[in-house]
Amino acid sequence: MKRIQYACLCETSKFENEADLVAYIEKMSKKNAKFEVINKVIESDGSVTVETRSQYLNYRTGKYIE
């Protein structure tokens, strides 16, 4: 039988502006989900592209997120 030991979700998201990113981070914090921003790029049009790693469901994250 296979059992998942650790899990996380890697995402690349594009936000229209910095305020939308801040709202997303606040939302994740309120959920008590573990997450981290790996990379953040501010585009010439003012949009923000971020790479994040976040907890998947209620699985432990192990060394993925410390």
PDB file of N, CA and C in Angstrom:
ATOM      1  N   MET A   1       0.834  -1.174   0.000  1.00  0.00           N
ATOM      2  CA  MET A   1       0.000   0.000   0.000  1.00  0.00           C
ATOM      3  C   MET A   1       0.883   1.242   0.000  1.00  0.00           C
ATOM      4  N   LYS A   2       0.474   2.209  -0.782  1.00  0.00           N
ATOM      5  CA  LYS A   2       1.222   3.466  -0.866  1.00  0.00           C
ATOM      6  C   LYS A   2       0.618   4.473   0.114  1.00  0.00           C
ATOM      7  N   ARG A   3       1.496   5.149   0.854  1.00  0.00           N
ATOM      8  CA  ARG A   3       1.071   6.211   1.762  1.00  0.00           C
ATOM      9  C   ARG A   3       1.898   7.453   1.469  1.00  0.00           C
ATOM     10  N   ILE A   4       1.234   8.554   1.365  1.00  0.00           N
ATOM     11  CA  ILE A   4       1.930   9.819   1.118  1.00  0.00           C
ATOM     12  C   ILE A   4       2.554  10.294   2.419  1.00  0.00           C
ATOM     13  N   GLN A   5       3.849  10.510   2.391  1.00  0.00           N
ATOM     14  CA  GLN A   5       4.574  10.970   3.579  1.00  0.00           C
ATOM     15  C   GLN A   5       4.560  12.490   3.678  1.00  0.00           C
ATOM     16  N   TYR A   6       4.896  13.151   2.589  1.00  0.00           N
ATOM     17  CA  TYR A   6       4.976  14.606   2.540  1.00  0.00           C
ATOM     18  C   TYR A   6       4.423  15.074   1.207  1.00  0.00           C
ATOM     19  N   ALA A   7       3.816  16.273   1.199  1.00  0.00           N
ATOM     20  CA  ALA A   7       3.266  16.797  -0.053  1.00  0.00           C
ATOM     21  C   ALA A   7       3.226  18.315  -0.020  1.00  0.00           C
ATOM     22  N   CYS A   8       3.469  18.900  -1.175  1.00  0.00           N
ATOM     23  CA  CYS A   8       3.293  20.339  -1.313  1.00  0.00           C
ATOM     24  C   CYS A   8       2.918  20.634  -2.764  1.00  0.00           C
ATOM     25  N   LEU A   9       2.454  21.831  -2.988  1.00  0.00           N
ATOM     26  CA  LEU A   9       2.000  22.254  -4.293  1.00  0.00           C
ATOM     27  C   LEU A   9       2.881  23.399  -4.759  1.00  0.00           C
ATOM     28  N   CYS A  10       3.455  23.285  -5.945  1.00  0.00           N
ATOM     29  CA  CYS A  10       4.265  24.356  -6.519  1.00  0.00           C
ATOM     30  C   CYS A  10       3.425  25.070  -7.565  1.00  0.00           C
ATOM     31  N   GLU A  11       3.327  26.380  -7.447  1.00  0.00           N
ATOM     32  CA  GLU A  11       2.494  27.161  -8.350  1.00  0.00           C
ATOM     33  C   GLU A  11       3.253  28.362  -8.889  1.00  0.00           C
ATOM     34  N   THR A  12       2.903  28.752 -10.101  1.00  0.00           N
ATOM     35  CA  THR A  12       3.334  30.027 -10.654  1.00  0.00           C
ATOM     36  C   THR A  12       2.061  30.811 -10.919  1.00  0.00           C
ATOM     37  N   SER A  13       1.916  31.947 -10.255  1.00  0.00           N
ATOM     38  CA  SER A  13       0.692  32.742 -10.355  1.00  0.00           C
ATOM     39  C   SER A  13       1.030  34.155 -10.799  1.00  0.00           C
ATOM     40  N   LYS A  14       0.091  34.754 -11.526  1.00  0.00           N
ATOM     41  CA  LYS A  14       0.278  36.130 -11.973  1.00  0.00           C
ATOM     42  C   LYS A  14      -0.849  36.974 -11.375  1.00  0.00           C
ATOM     43  N   PHE A  15      -0.473  38.022 -10.661  1.00  0.00           N
ATOM     44  CA  PHE A  15      -1.421  38.936 -10.035  1.00  0.00           C
ATOM     45  C   PHE A  15      -1.395  40.258 -10.795  1.00  0.00           C
ATOM     46  N   GLU A  16      -2.553  40.918 -10.858  1.00  0.00           N
ATOM     47  CA  GLU A  16      -2.632  42.176 -11.598  1.00  0.00           C
ATOM     48  C   GLU A  16      -1.788  43.282 -10.979  1.00  0.00           C
ATOM     49  N   ASN A  17      -1.647  43.236  -9.641  1.00  0.00           N
ATOM     50  CA  ASN A  17      -0.849  44.260  -8.966  1.00  0.00           C
ATOM     51  C   ASN A  17      -0.367  43.725  -7.619  1.00  0.00           C
ATOM     52  N   GLU A  18       0.442  44.508  -6.964  1.00  0.00           N
ATOM     53  CA  GLU A  18       1.044  44.113  -5.684  1.00  0.00           C
ATOM     54  C   GLU A  18      -0.016  43.925  -4.597  1.00  0.00           C
ATOM     55  N   ALA A  19      -1.080  44.732  -4.644  1.00  0.00           N
ATOM     56  CA  ALA A  19      -2.146  44.635  -3.637  1.00  0.00           C
ATOM     57  C   ALA A  19      -2.838  43.276  -3.701  1.00  0.00           C
ATOM     58  N   ASP A  20      -3.025  42.742  -4.905  1.00  0.00           N
ATOM     59  CA  ASP A  20      -3.642  41.418  -5.045  1.00  0.00           C
ATOM     60  C   ASP A  20      -2.754  40.336  -4.446  1.00  0.00           C
ATOM     61  N   LEU A  21      -1.451  40.489  -4.608  1.00  0.00           N
ATOM     62  CA  LEU A  21      -0.514  39.532  -4.020  1.00  0.00           C
ATOM     63  C   LEU A  21      -0.584  39.590  -2.494  1.00  0.00           C
ATOM     64  N   VAL A  22      -0.609  40.785  -1.945  1.00  0.00           N
ATOM     65  CA  VAL A  22      -0.693  40.943  -0.492  1.00  0.00           C
ATOM     66  C   VAL A  22      -1.980  40.307   0.033  1.00  0.00           C
ATOM     67  N   ALA A  23      -3.088  40.496  -0.675  1.00  0.00           N
ATOM     68  CA  ALA A  23      -4.364  39.900  -0.270  1.00  0.00           C
ATOM     69  C   ALA A  23      -4.282  38.373  -0.295  1.00  0.00           C
ATOM     70  N   TYR A  24      -3.611  37.821  -1.299  1.00  0.00           N
ATOM     71  CA  TYR A  24      -3.436  36.368  -1.395  1.00  0.00           C
ATOM     72  C   TYR A  24      -2.610  35.844  -0.220  1.00  0.00           C
ATOM     73  N   ILE A  25      -1.545  36.533   0.107  1.00  0.00           N
ATOM     74  CA  ILE A  25      -0.683  36.110   1.224  1.00  0.00           C
ATOM     75  C   ILE A  25      -1.458  36.166   2.543  1.00  0.00           C
ATOM     76  N   GLU A  26      -2.262  37.208   2.734  1.00  0.00           N
ATOM     77  CA  GLU A  26      -3.082  37.306   3.947  1.00  0.00           C
ATOM     78  C   GLU A  26      -4.092  36.169   4.025  1.00  0.00           C
ATOM     79  N   LYS A  27      -4.687  35.829   2.888  1.00  0.00           N
ATOM     80  CA  LYS A  27      -5.652  34.722   2.827  1.00  0.00           C
ATOM     81  C   LYS A  27      -4.993  33.403   3.221  1.00  0.00           C
ATOM     82  N   MET A  28      -3.799  33.168   2.706  1.00  0.00           N
ATOM     83  CA  MET A  28      -3.080  31.931   3.033  1.00  0.00           C
ATOM     84  C   MET A  28      -2.718  31.902   4.514  1.00  0.00           C
ATOM     85  N   SER A  29      -2.346  33.035   5.069  1.00  0.00           N
ATOM     86  CA  SER A  29      -1.991  33.108   6.485  1.00  0.00           C
ATOM     87  C   SER A  29      -3.198  32.809   7.367  1.00  0.00           C
ATOM     88  N   LYS A  30      -4.365  33.319   6.985  1.00  0.00           N
ATOM     89  CA  LYS A  30      -5.583  33.080   7.760  1.00  0.00           C
ATOM     90  C   LYS A  30      -5.975  31.607   7.759  1.00  0.00           C
ATOM     91  N   LYS A  31      -5.648  30.905   6.672  1.00  0.00           N
ATOM     92  CA  LYS A  31      -5.955  29.473   6.575  1.00  0.00           C
ATOM     93  C   LYS A  31      -4.988  28.631   7.406  1.00  0.00           C
ATOM     94  N   ASN A  32      -3.962  29.260   7.936  1.00  0.00           N
ATOM     95  CA  ASN A  32      -2.895  28.555   8.660  1.00  0.00           C
ATOM     96  C   ASN A  32      -2.195  27.518   7.800  1.00  0.00           C
ATOM     97  N   ALA A  33      -2.159  27.747   6.506  1.00  0.00           N
ATOM     98  CA  ALA A  33      -1.466  26.854   5.588  1.00  0.00           C
ATOM     99  C   ALA A  33       0.005  27.272   5.522  1.00  0.00           C
ATOM    100  N   LYS A  34       0.875  26.296   5.499  1.00  0.00           N
ATOM    101  CA  LYS A  34       2.294  26.612   5.329  1.00  0.00           C
ATOM    102  C   LYS A  34       2.516  26.980   3.867  1.00  0.00           C
ATOM    103  N   PHE A  35       3.265  28.042   3.632  1.00  0.00           N
ATOM    104  CA  PHE A  35       3.584  28.443   2.269  1.00  0.00           C
ATOM    105  C   PHE A  35       4.823  29.321   2.273  1.00  0.00           C
ATOM    106  N   GLU A  36       5.446  29.420   1.118  1.00  0.00           N
ATOM    107  CA  GLU A  36       6.583  30.327   0.969  1.00  0.00           C
ATOM    108  C   GLU A  36       6.639  30.826  -0.465  1.00  0.00           C
ATOM    109  N   VAL A  37       7.055  32.065  -0.606  1.00  0.00           N
ATOM    110  CA  VAL A  37       7.255  32.650  -1.922  1.00  0.00           C
ATOM    111  C   VAL A  37       8.687  32.340  -2.326  1.00  0.00           C
ATOM    112  N   ILE A  38       8.843  31.635  -3.424  1.00  0.00           N
ATOM    113  CA  ILE A  38      10.162  31.227  -3.889  1.00  0.00           C
ATOM    114  C   ILE A  38      10.793  32.314  -4.764  1.00  0.00           C
ATOM    115  N   ASN A  39       9.983  32.896  -5.644  1.00  0.00           N
ATOM    116  CA  ASN A  39      10.490  33.900  -6.572  1.00  0.00           C
ATOM    117  C   ASN A  39       9.380  34.905  -6.851  1.00  0.00           C
ATOM    118  N   LYS A  40       9.750  36.167  -6.979  1.00  0.00           N
ATOM    119  CA  LYS A  40       8.778  37.228  -7.251  1.00  0.00           C
ATOM    120  C   LYS A  40       9.356  38.150  -8.307  1.00  0.00           C
ATOM    121  N   VAL A  41       8.583  38.378  -9.379  1.00  0.00           N
ATOM    122  CA  VAL A  41       9.031  39.245 -10.471  1.00  0.00           C
ATOM    123  C   VAL A  41       7.951  40.287 -10.744  1.00  0.00           C
ATOM    124  N   ILE A  42       8.340  41.552 -10.709  1.00  0.00           N
ATOM    125  CA  ILE A  42       7.415  42.633 -11.048  1.00  0.00           C
ATOM    126  C   ILE A  42       7.602  42.940 -12.531  1.00  0.00           C
ATOM    127  N   GLU A  43       6.531  42.747 -13.298  1.00  0.00           N
ATOM    128  CA  GLU A  43       6.576  42.941 -14.748  1.00  0.00           C
ATOM    129  C   GLU A  43       6.482  44.423 -15.093  1.00  0.00           C
ATOM    130  N   SER A  44       6.790  44.775 -16.342  1.00  0.00           N
ATOM    131  CA  SER A  44       6.773  46.176 -16.778  1.00  0.00           C
ATOM    132  C   SER A  44       5.365  46.780 -16.768  1.00  0.00           C
ATOM    133  N   ASP A  45       4.343  45.953 -16.884  1.00  0.00           N
ATOM    134  CA  ASP A  45       2.963  46.450 -16.864  1.00  0.00           C
ATOM    135  C   ASP A  45       2.399  46.590 -15.448  1.00  0.00           C
ATOM    136  N   GLY A  46       3.221  46.308 -14.435  1.00  0.00           N
ATOM    137  CA  GLY A  46       2.790  46.431 -13.043  1.00  0.00           C
ATOM    138  C   GLY A  46       2.267  45.144 -12.438  1.00  0.00           C
ATOM    139  N   SER A  47       2.092  44.124 -13.255  1.00  0.00           N
ATOM    140  CA  SER A  47       1.635  42.848 -12.715  1.00  0.00           C
ATOM    141  C   SER A  47       2.790  42.155 -11.990  1.00  0.00           C
ATOM    142  N   VAL A  48       2.442  41.192 -11.148  1.00  0.00           N
ATOM    143  CA  VAL A  48       3.441  40.509 -10.335  1.00  0.00           C
ATOM    144  C   VAL A  48       3.313  39.001 -10.576  1.00  0.00           C
ATOM    145  N   THR A  49       4.414  38.368 -10.948  1.00  0.00           N
ATOM    146  CA  THR A  49       4.450  36.924 -11.134  1.00  0.00           C
ATOM    147  C   THR A  49       5.231  36.325  -9.971  1.00  0.00           C
ATOM    148  N   VAL A  50       4.621  35.349  -9.298  1.00  0.00           N
ATOM    149  CA  VAL A  50       5.279  34.723  -8.156  1.00  0.00           C
ATOM    150  C   VAL A  50       5.258  33.203  -8.289  1.00  0.00           C
ATOM    151  N   GLU A  51       6.320  32.605  -7.808  1.00  0.00           N
ATOM    152  CA  GLU A  51       6.382  31.156  -7.670  1.00  0.00           C
ATOM    153  C   GLU A  51       6.243  30.870  -6.184  1.00  0.00           C
ATOM    154  N   THR A  52       5.288  30.008  -5.842  1.00  0.00           N
ATOM    155  CA  THR A  52       5.056  29.680  -4.445  1.00  0.00           C
ATOM    156  C   THR A  52       5.076  28.182  -4.233  1.00  0.00           C
ATOM    157  N   ARG A  53       5.351  27.813  -3.027  1.00  0.00           N
ATOM    158  CA  ARG A  53       5.275  26.427  -2.588  1.00  0.00           C
ATOM    159  C   ARG A  53       4.337  26.437  -1.391  1.00  0.00           C
ATOM    160  N   SER A  54       3.266  25.630  -1.429  1.00  0.00           N
ATOM    161  CA  SER A  54       2.308  25.654  -0.340  1.00  0.00           C
ATOM    162  C   SER A  54       1.910  24.239   0.076  1.00  0.00           C
ATOM    163  N   GLN A  55       1.404  24.156   1.285  1.00  0.00           N
ATOM    164  CA  GLN A  55       0.967  22.885   1.852  1.00  0.00           C
ATOM    165  C   GLN A  55      -0.198  22.346   1.040  1.00  0.00           C
ATOM    166  N   TYR A  56      -0.183  21.069   0.750  1.00  0.00           N
ATOM    167  CA  TYR A  56      -1.264  20.423   0.005  1.00  0.00           C
ATOM    168  C   TYR A  56      -2.202  19.743   0.993  1.00  0.00           C
ATOM    169  N   LEU A  57      -3.445  20.204   1.005  1.00  0.00           N
ATOM    170  CA  LEU A  57      -4.455  19.722   1.951  1.00  0.00           C
ATOM    171  C   LEU A  57      -3.875  19.777   3.361  1.00  0.00           C
ATOM    172  N   ASN A  58      -3.947  18.710   4.095  1.00  0.00           N
ATOM    173  CA  ASN A  58      -3.405  18.719   5.458  1.00  0.00           C
ATOM    174  C   ASN A  58      -2.190  17.815   5.608  1.00  0.00           C
ATOM    175  N   TYR A  59      -1.551  17.490   4.479  1.00  0.00           N
ATOM    176  CA  TYR A  59      -0.367  16.645   4.534  1.00  0.00           C
ATOM    177  C   TYR A  59       0.803  17.395   5.159  1.00  0.00           C
ATOM    178  N   ARG A  60       1.685  16.649   5.783  1.00  0.00           N
ATOM    179  CA  ARG A  60       2.917  17.245   6.303  1.00  0.00           C
ATOM    180  C   ARG A  60       3.782  17.676   5.121  1.00  0.00           C
ATOM    181  N   THR A  61       4.569  18.718   5.319  1.00  0.00           N
ATOM    182  CA  THR A  61       5.389  19.245   4.222  1.00  0.00           C
ATOM    183  C   THR A  61       6.836  18.790   4.268  1.00  0.00           C
ATOM    184  N   GLY A  62       7.254  18.207   5.359  1.00  0.00           N
ATOM    185  CA  GLY A  62       8.629  17.715   5.460  1.00  0.00           C
ATOM    186  C   GLY A  62       9.640  18.806   5.204  1.00  0.00           C
ATOM    187  N   LYS A  63      10.623  18.519   4.366  1.00  0.00           N
ATOM    188  CA  LYS A  63      11.676  19.492   4.058  1.00  0.00           C
ATOM    189  C   LYS A  63      11.301  20.425   2.913  1.00  0.00           C
ATOM    190  N   TYR A  64      10.114  20.213   2.295  1.00  0.00           N
ATOM    191  CA  TYR A  64       9.709  21.098   1.205  1.00  0.00           C
ATOM    192  C   TYR A  64       9.547  22.529   1.692  1.00  0.00           C
ATOM    193  N   ILE A  65       8.915  22.678   2.841  1.00  0.00           N
ATOM    194  CA  ILE A  65       8.690  24.009   3.425  1.00  0.00           C
ATOM    195  C   ILE A  65       9.134  23.957   4.869  1.00  0.00           C
ATOM    196  N   GLU A  66      10.071  24.797   5.221  1.00  0.00           N
ATOM    197  CA  GLU A  66      10.569  24.779   6.605  1.00  0.00           C
ATOM    198  C   GLU A  66      10.261  26.069   7.311  1.00  0.00           C
TER     199      GLU A  66
END
